Amino acid sequence: MVFDAGSIEEARGICALPEFRADIGELKRHGKPLFGDVAVFAARDATATEIVAFNHAMTNAGPSDGPTMAFLVPVDGMVVTIIQPE
């Protein structure tokens, strides 16, 4: 998962929010939970490939009042955007 944050400290704060963990805990892939109950969410800088994927997804997503995030694996019920390698 990739999301925008103003700083690494802000990203770490988002990852630590109980609401964030609860929302992410609801996500499924092929009907199975995407993350387990003991999943560790560690904020880090995105790789160049992840940045391209995020920017591409945001270009196609349209405006939103919510947080901006993209999943790098298919998630049940989410729109899939394919990133072709250049």
Protein backbone atom coordinates (compact mmCIF):
# COMPACT_ATOMS: atom_id res chain seq x y z
CA MET A 1 0.00 0.00 0.00
CA VAL A 2 1.21 3.47 -0.84
CA PHE A 3 -0.24 6.69 0.56
CA ASP A 4 0.71 10.33 0.65
CA ALA A 5 1.94 12.03 3.79
CA GLY A 6 3.72 15.29 4.47
CA SER A 7 6.57 13.58 6.29
CA ILE A 8 7.75 10.19 7.48
CA GLU A 9 6.57 11.13 10.98
CA GLU A 10 3.07 11.82 9.66
CA ALA A 11 3.10 8.48 7.80
CA ARG A 12 4.13 6.66 10.99
CA GLY A 13 1.33 8.40 12.86
CA ILE A 14 -1.21 7.29 10.26
CA CYS A 15 0.04 3.69 10.45
CA ALA A 16 -0.36 3.76 14.24
CA LEU A 17 -3.98 4.99 14.21
CA PRO A 18 -6.45 2.37 15.48
CA GLU A 19 -8.97 3.57 12.87
CA PHE A 20 -6.45 3.01 10.08
CA ARG A 21 -5.65 -0.49 11.31
CA ALA A 22 -9.38 -1.29 11.62
CA ASP A 23 -10.14 -0.05 8.09
CA ILE A 24 -7.16 -1.87 6.57
CA GLY A 25 -8.12 -4.99 8.51
CA GLU A 26 -11.39 -5.15 6.55
CA LEU A 27 -9.65 -5.48 3.18
CA LYS A 28 -9.65 -8.83 1.43
CA ARG A 29 -7.91 -10.43 -1.52
CA HIS A 30 -9.60 -13.45 -3.09
CA GLY A 31 -11.97 -13.48 -0.10
CA LYS A 32 -9.17 -13.76 2.47
CA PRO A 33 -7.93 -10.99 4.77
CA LEU A 34 -5.18 -8.98 3.12
CA PHE A 35 -3.48 -8.37 6.47
CA GLY A 36 -3.49 -10.57 9.55
CA ASP A 37 -4.33 -9.44 13.08
CA VAL A 38 -0.65 -9.08 13.92
CA ALA A 39 0.39 -7.26 10.72
CA VAL A 40 3.06 -4.63 11.25
CA PHE A 41 2.63 -1.40 9.31
CA ALA A 42 5.99 0.31 8.97
CA ALA A 43 6.22 3.61 7.13
CA ARG A 44 9.10 4.04 4.71
CA ASP A 45 9.92 6.09 1.64
CA ALA A 46 8.43 4.69 -1.56
CA THR A 47 10.62 3.15 -4.23
CA ALA A 48 10.73 4.75 -7.69
CA THR A 49 8.41 2.02 -9.03
CA GLU A 50 5.93 2.58 -6.18
CA ILE A 51 5.94 6.33 -6.85
CA VAL A 52 5.11 5.72 -10.52
CA ALA A 53 2.30 3.33 -9.53
CA PHE A 54 0.91 5.82 -6.98
CA ASN A 55 1.02 8.75 -9.41
CA HIS A 56 -0.62 6.68 -12.14
CA ALA A 57 -3.38 5.53 -9.79
CA MET A 58 -4.01 9.07 -8.57
CA THR A 59 -4.22 10.39 -12.14
CA ASN A 60 -6.97 7.85 -12.86
CA ALA A 61 -8.75 8.03 -9.49
CA GLY A 62 -10.33 11.47 -9.66
CA PRO A 63 -10.89 13.87 -6.76
CA SER A 64 -11.59 12.67 -3.22
CA ASP A 65 -11.97 14.20 0.23
CA GLY A 66 -10.41 11.11 1.83
CA PRO A 67 -6.80 10.03 2.16
CA THR A 68 -4.95 9.31 -1.05
CA MET A 69 -3.71 5.73 -1.19
CA ALA A 70 -3.04 3.03 -3.73
CA PHE A 71 -2.69 -0.71 -3.26
CA LEU A 72 0.12 -2.48 -5.09
CA VAL A 73 -1.76 -5.80 -5.13
CA PRO A 74 -5.36 -6.46 -6.21
CA VAL A 75 -7.91 -5.90 -3.41
CA ASP A 76 -11.46 -7.26 -3.55
CA GLY A 77 -13.95 -4.53 -4.46
CA MET A 78 -11.30 -2.02 -5.60
CA VAL A 79 -10.72 -0.67 -9.09
CA VAL A 80 -7.61 -2.22 -10.60
CA THR A 81 -5.17 -0.03 -12.49
CA ILE A 82 -2.42 -1.86 -14.33
CA ILE A 83 1.01 -0.24 -14.35
CA GLN A 84 3.04 -1.23 -17.39
CA PRO A 85 6.82 -1.20 -16.97
CA GLU A 86 8.57 1.35 -19.15
